[in-house]
Amino acid sequence: MLPQLLQQYQPDFSPVVPFDPANDRLSLLDFTKTNTDLTAHVVEDTAVFSAYVSAQLEAAGARYGIGGYNEHRTVYSRSRVFDAPAGEEPRRLHLGIDIWGKAGTCVYAPLDGRVHSFAFNDRFGDYGATIILQHRLEDQLFHTLYGHLSVKDLDGLTEGKTIQAGELIAHFGEPAENGHWPPHLHFQLIVEMGENRGDYPGVCKFSERENYLSNCPDPDLILDMMRFAVPAK
C-alpha cells in the first residue's frame, strides 16, 4: 500500500519547502471550532485573516505554520465553494496539510514525476493557481497536489512535462491569486485522480471521510515536518 511505500522511501524525498529543523521554528495552527479566536470577523475578511496568521507566526517566532490533515474546520464556512443546499451536509474535513508562510515562498517537487495537470481555480475560497504532479514508486502510481500558488507558476507549463526531485515548481501565491486565503501551500496526496484535471477536492463531507482519506493518505509521509511542529500558545 502507498503509505508503507512512502514511509520506506521517505528519507530520499526532497523538501517541499525550505525548512531547516535545526534553525526554523514550526508552529502548529488550529482551524477547528476549538480555536475561539477564529470569529466570523476574522475568517470572512481575507486581510484580517492574513493578519491573524501572520501575528500567530510572529508570536511563535515561527517561519511557518502547519497542520490540517483530517481536521474538521469551521473556517470553510467563509466560502460557498464548500457549502451545500439547505439541509444537506457541507464540506468541512480537510484532506491535505497546509504550510502557512510568506507569499513568494519557494515550492519544490519532493520526487521525480511529471505534470499531470494544472488550472487557475479562481473562485473565492478555492485553490487559486493549482499544479498536480504524477509520480511512480515501484509499481505504485500516485499524485501530489499543490494549491494556492502564484499564477505566474502556470506560465509555460505543459501536461506531461518531466519534473525532477528538488526542482523549483512554484511559489506561495498572494491572496488575489490563491483563492483569497492568507498565503500558504495546500499539499495533498491523491492515489486515484478519476476524471479530475487541475483540481481535486481538498475538503470533503465528514460522512465521506473514510473513502476520501483512503484515497488521500497523510501528506506528512512525504513532508516529514509534523514532528517538528510546536502548538501555538
Protein backbone atom coordinates (compact mmCIF):
# COMPACT_ATOMS: atom_id res chain seq x y z
CA MET A 1 0.00 0.00 0.00
CA LEU A 2 1.09 3.58 -0.67
CA PRO A 3 1.55 4.71 2.98
CA GLN A 4 4.00 1.89 3.67
CA LEU A 5 5.85 2.57 0.42
CA LEU A 6 6.14 6.29 1.18
CA GLN A 7 7.41 5.55 4.65
CA GLN A 8 10.07 3.30 3.16
CA TYR A 9 11.26 5.94 0.70
CA GLN A 10 10.75 8.99 2.95
CA PRO A 11 14.49 9.59 3.64
CA ASP A 12 15.02 10.01 -0.11
CA PHE A 13 12.40 12.72 -0.67
CA SER A 14 13.44 16.32 -1.29
CA PRO A 15 11.94 19.07 0.92
CA VAL A 16 8.75 20.62 -0.46
CA VAL A 17 9.56 23.99 1.16
CA PRO A 18 12.85 25.36 2.51
CA PHE A 19 12.87 24.18 6.12
CA ASP A 20 15.80 23.59 8.48
CA PRO A 21 14.52 21.94 11.67
CA ALA A 22 17.71 22.94 13.45
CA ASN A 23 17.06 26.63 12.92
CA ASP A 24 13.45 27.14 11.74
CA ARG A 25 10.54 27.09 14.16
CA LEU A 26 7.31 25.45 13.00
CA SER A 27 4.03 26.39 14.66
CA LEU A 28 1.00 24.06 14.75
CA LEU A 29 -2.08 26.10 13.79
CA ASP A 30 -5.61 25.07 14.72
CA PHE A 31 -8.52 25.98 12.45
CA THR A 32 -11.22 23.93 14.18
CA LYS A 33 -14.10 25.22 16.32
CA THR A 34 -11.91 24.85 19.41
CA ASN A 35 -9.99 27.94 18.28
CA THR A 36 -12.32 30.64 19.58
CA ASP A 37 -10.15 33.40 18.07
CA LEU A 38 -11.50 32.46 14.64
CA THR A 39 -14.60 34.60 14.72
CA ALA A 40 -16.62 35.38 11.60
CA HIS A 41 -14.95 38.80 11.53
CA VAL A 42 -11.55 37.12 11.19
CA VAL A 43 -12.24 34.35 8.70
CA GLU A 44 -14.59 36.24 6.38
CA ASP A 45 -12.18 39.13 5.75
CA THR A 46 -9.08 37.97 3.88
CA ALA A 47 -6.94 40.87 5.06
CA VAL A 48 -7.92 40.31 8.70
CA PHE A 49 -7.44 36.55 8.36
CA SER A 50 -3.99 37.09 6.82
CA ALA A 51 -3.04 39.47 9.62
CA TYR A 52 -4.19 36.88 12.17
CA VAL A 53 -2.00 34.13 10.65
CA SER A 54 0.99 36.48 10.42
CA ALA A 55 0.55 37.50 14.05
CA GLN A 56 0.41 33.85 15.14
CA LEU A 57 3.67 33.08 13.36
CA GLU A 58 5.38 36.20 14.66
CA ALA A 59 4.30 35.49 18.24
CA ALA A 60 5.70 31.97 17.95
CA GLY A 61 8.89 33.10 16.24
CA ALA A 62 7.98 30.60 13.52
CA ARG A 63 8.99 30.54 9.87
CA TYR A 64 5.90 28.50 9.02
CA GLY A 65 2.59 27.41 10.42
CA ILE A 66 1.46 23.88 9.64
CA GLY A 67 -1.38 21.43 10.12
CA GLY A 68 -4.83 20.47 8.98
CA TYR A 69 -4.79 16.87 7.75
CA ASN A 70 -8.03 15.11 8.74
CA GLU A 71 -9.05 18.31 10.56
CA HIS A 72 -12.72 19.30 10.77
CA ARG A 73 -12.52 23.02 10.07
CA THR A 74 -15.04 25.75 10.72
CA VAL A 75 -13.16 28.24 8.50
CA TYR A 76 -14.69 26.77 5.35
CA SER A 77 -17.95 28.48 6.19
CA ARG A 78 -16.32 31.58 4.63
CA SER A 79 -16.83 30.25 1.09
CA ARG A 80 -19.76 28.91 -0.90
CA VAL A 81 -17.30 26.52 -2.57
CA PHE A 82 -17.69 24.24 0.46
CA ASP A 83 -21.39 24.76 1.14
CA ALA A 84 -24.32 22.55 0.19
CA PRO A 85 -28.03 23.09 -0.47
CA ALA A 86 -30.12 23.82 2.61
CA GLY A 87 -30.49 20.75 4.80
CA GLU A 88 -27.52 18.95 3.24
CA GLU A 89 -24.08 18.38 4.73
CA PRO A 90 -21.40 20.95 3.83
CA ARG A 91 -17.76 20.04 3.19
CA ARG A 92 -15.55 20.76 6.20
CA LEU A 93 -12.96 17.92 6.56
CA HIS A 94 -9.51 18.91 5.30
CA LEU A 95 -7.63 16.34 3.19
CA GLY A 96 -4.20 17.96 2.90
CA ILE A 97 -1.58 19.66 5.03
CA ASP A 98 -1.34 23.44 4.91
CA ILE A 99 2.00 25.20 5.28
CA TRP A 100 1.43 28.86 6.12
CA GLY A 101 4.16 31.37 5.36
CA LYS A 102 5.13 34.36 3.27
CA ALA A 103 3.90 34.91 -0.27
CA GLY A 104 6.67 34.03 -2.70
CA THR A 105 7.96 31.10 -0.61
CA CYS A 106 9.51 28.51 -2.95
CA VAL A 107 7.84 25.14 -3.53
CA TYR A 108 9.86 22.15 -4.75
CA ALA A 109 8.99 18.72 -6.13
CA PRO A 110 9.71 16.06 -3.49
CA LEU A 111 10.42 13.32 -6.04
CA ASP A 112 10.63 12.72 -9.77
CA GLY A 113 7.42 12.88 -11.74
CA ARG A 114 5.55 14.64 -14.49
CA VAL A 115 2.92 17.34 -14.71
CA HIS A 116 -0.45 15.62 -14.59
CA SER A 117 -2.50 18.81 -14.94
CA PHE A 118 -2.86 22.38 -13.73
CA ALA A 119 -5.51 25.10 -13.54
CA PHE A 120 -6.38 28.51 -12.15
CA ASN A 121 -9.33 27.71 -9.88
CA ASP A 122 -10.28 31.34 -9.41
CA ARG A 123 -13.24 31.34 -7.03
CA PHE A 124 -13.34 32.86 -3.56
CA GLY A 125 -12.13 30.13 -1.20
CA ASP A 126 -10.90 27.80 -3.95
CA TYR A 127 -7.32 26.72 -4.71
CA GLY A 128 -6.41 29.59 -7.00
CA ALA A 129 -3.40 28.53 -9.07
CA THR A 130 -3.01 24.74 -8.80
CA ILE A 131 -0.48 22.18 -10.02
CA ILE A 132 -0.85 18.39 -9.86
CA LEU A 133 2.13 16.09 -10.39
CA GLN A 134 2.08 12.36 -11.08
CA HIS A 135 4.70 10.03 -9.59
CA ARG A 136 5.60 6.37 -9.58
CA LEU A 137 7.28 4.46 -6.77
CA GLU A 138 7.99 0.87 -7.73
CA ASP A 139 4.63 -0.18 -9.23
CA GLN A 140 2.54 2.41 -7.37
CA LEU A 141 1.20 5.42 -9.26
CA PHE A 142 0.06 8.45 -7.22
CA HIS A 143 -0.24 12.22 -7.34
CA THR A 144 0.73 15.31 -5.36
CA LEU A 145 -1.40 18.45 -5.46
CA TYR A 146 -0.08 21.97 -4.80
CA GLY A 147 -2.74 24.62 -4.23
CA HIS A 148 -2.80 28.39 -3.55
CA LEU A 149 0.16 29.10 -5.80
CA SER A 150 1.27 32.12 -7.80
CA VAL A 151 -0.39 32.41 -11.19
CA LYS A 152 2.98 33.03 -12.84
CA ASP A 153 3.92 29.44 -11.94
CA LEU A 154 1.44 28.22 -14.56
CA ASP A 155 3.15 30.14 -17.38
CA GLY A 156 4.74 27.80 -19.89
CA LEU A 157 3.61 24.70 -18.03
CA THR A 158 2.52 21.72 -20.13
CA GLU A 159 0.88 18.44 -19.21
CA GLY A 160 3.39 15.61 -19.33
CA LYS A 161 6.37 17.85 -18.60
CA THR A 162 9.07 15.92 -16.73
CA ILE A 163 9.82 17.16 -13.22
CA GLN A 164 12.93 16.25 -11.25
CA ALA A 165 13.13 15.77 -7.48
CA GLY A 166 14.17 19.04 -5.87
CA GLU A 167 13.09 21.12 -8.88
CA LEU A 168 11.52 24.50 -8.15
CA ILE A 169 7.93 24.23 -9.36
CA ALA A 170 6.02 27.06 -7.72
CA HIS A 171 5.67 29.76 -5.06
CA PHE A 172 3.09 30.63 -2.40
CA GLY A 173 0.61 32.97 -4.05
CA GLU A 174 -0.75 36.31 -2.89
CA PRO A 175 -4.41 36.28 -1.75
CA ALA A 176 -5.63 37.77 -5.04
CA GLU A 177 -4.33 34.72 -6.94
CA ASN A 178 -4.55 31.95 -4.33
CA GLY A 179 -8.31 31.80 -3.83
CA HIS A 180 -8.30 34.74 -1.37
CA TRP A 181 -6.60 32.97 1.53
CA PRO A 182 -3.67 34.01 3.71
CA PRO A 183 -0.53 32.90 1.82
CA HIS A 184 0.09 29.18 2.23
CA LEU A 185 0.60 25.91 0.39
CA HIS A 186 -2.07 23.21 0.38
CA PHE A 187 -0.15 19.96 -0.16
CA GLN A 188 -2.16 16.78 -0.74
CA LEU A 189 -1.54 13.18 -1.76
CA ILE A 190 -4.01 11.53 -4.12
CA VAL A 191 -3.90 7.95 -5.33
CA GLU A 192 -6.68 7.89 -7.94
CA MET A 193 -7.49 11.14 -9.74
CA GLY A 194 -10.50 9.80 -11.61
CA GLU A 195 -11.54 12.29 -14.30
CA ASN A 196 -10.22 15.29 -12.35
CA ARG A 197 -7.74 17.59 -14.04
CA GLY A 198 -6.19 20.65 -12.44
CA ASP A 199 -8.41 20.12 -9.44
CA TYR A 200 -9.35 17.56 -6.80
CA PRO A 201 -11.37 18.05 -3.60
CA GLY A 202 -9.17 19.25 -0.76
CA VAL A 203 -12.12 19.21 1.62
CA CYS A 204 -14.83 16.57 1.93
CA LYS A 205 -18.03 15.92 3.85
CA PHE A 206 -17.40 14.32 7.23
CA SER A 207 -19.72 11.47 6.22
CA GLU A 208 -17.36 10.72 3.30
CA ARG A 209 -14.26 10.85 5.47
CA GLU A 210 -13.29 7.17 5.26
CA ASN A 211 -13.41 6.97 1.47
CA TYR A 212 -11.54 10.20 0.89
CA LEU A 213 -8.83 9.54 3.47
CA SER A 214 -8.15 6.14 1.93
CA ASN A 215 -7.52 7.87 -1.41
CA CYS A 216 -5.63 10.78 0.18
CA PRO A 217 -3.00 9.45 2.64
CA ASP A 218 -1.29 11.67 5.20
CA PRO A 219 0.93 14.16 3.28
CA ASP A 220 3.41 14.11 6.15
CA LEU A 221 4.57 10.74 4.81
CA ILE A 222 6.38 12.91 2.27
CA LEU A 223 6.83 16.17 4.18
CA ASP A 224 8.12 14.68 7.44
CA MET A 225 7.52 18.05 9.12
CA MET A 226 4.76 17.50 11.66
CA ARG A 227 7.14 16.02 14.23
CA PHE A 228 8.81 19.43 14.49
CA ALA A 229 5.58 21.39 14.97
CA VAL A 230 5.04 23.16 18.28
CA PRO A 231 1.44 24.07 19.32
CA ALA A 232 0.72 27.77 19.24
CA LYS A 233 0.18 29.32 22.67
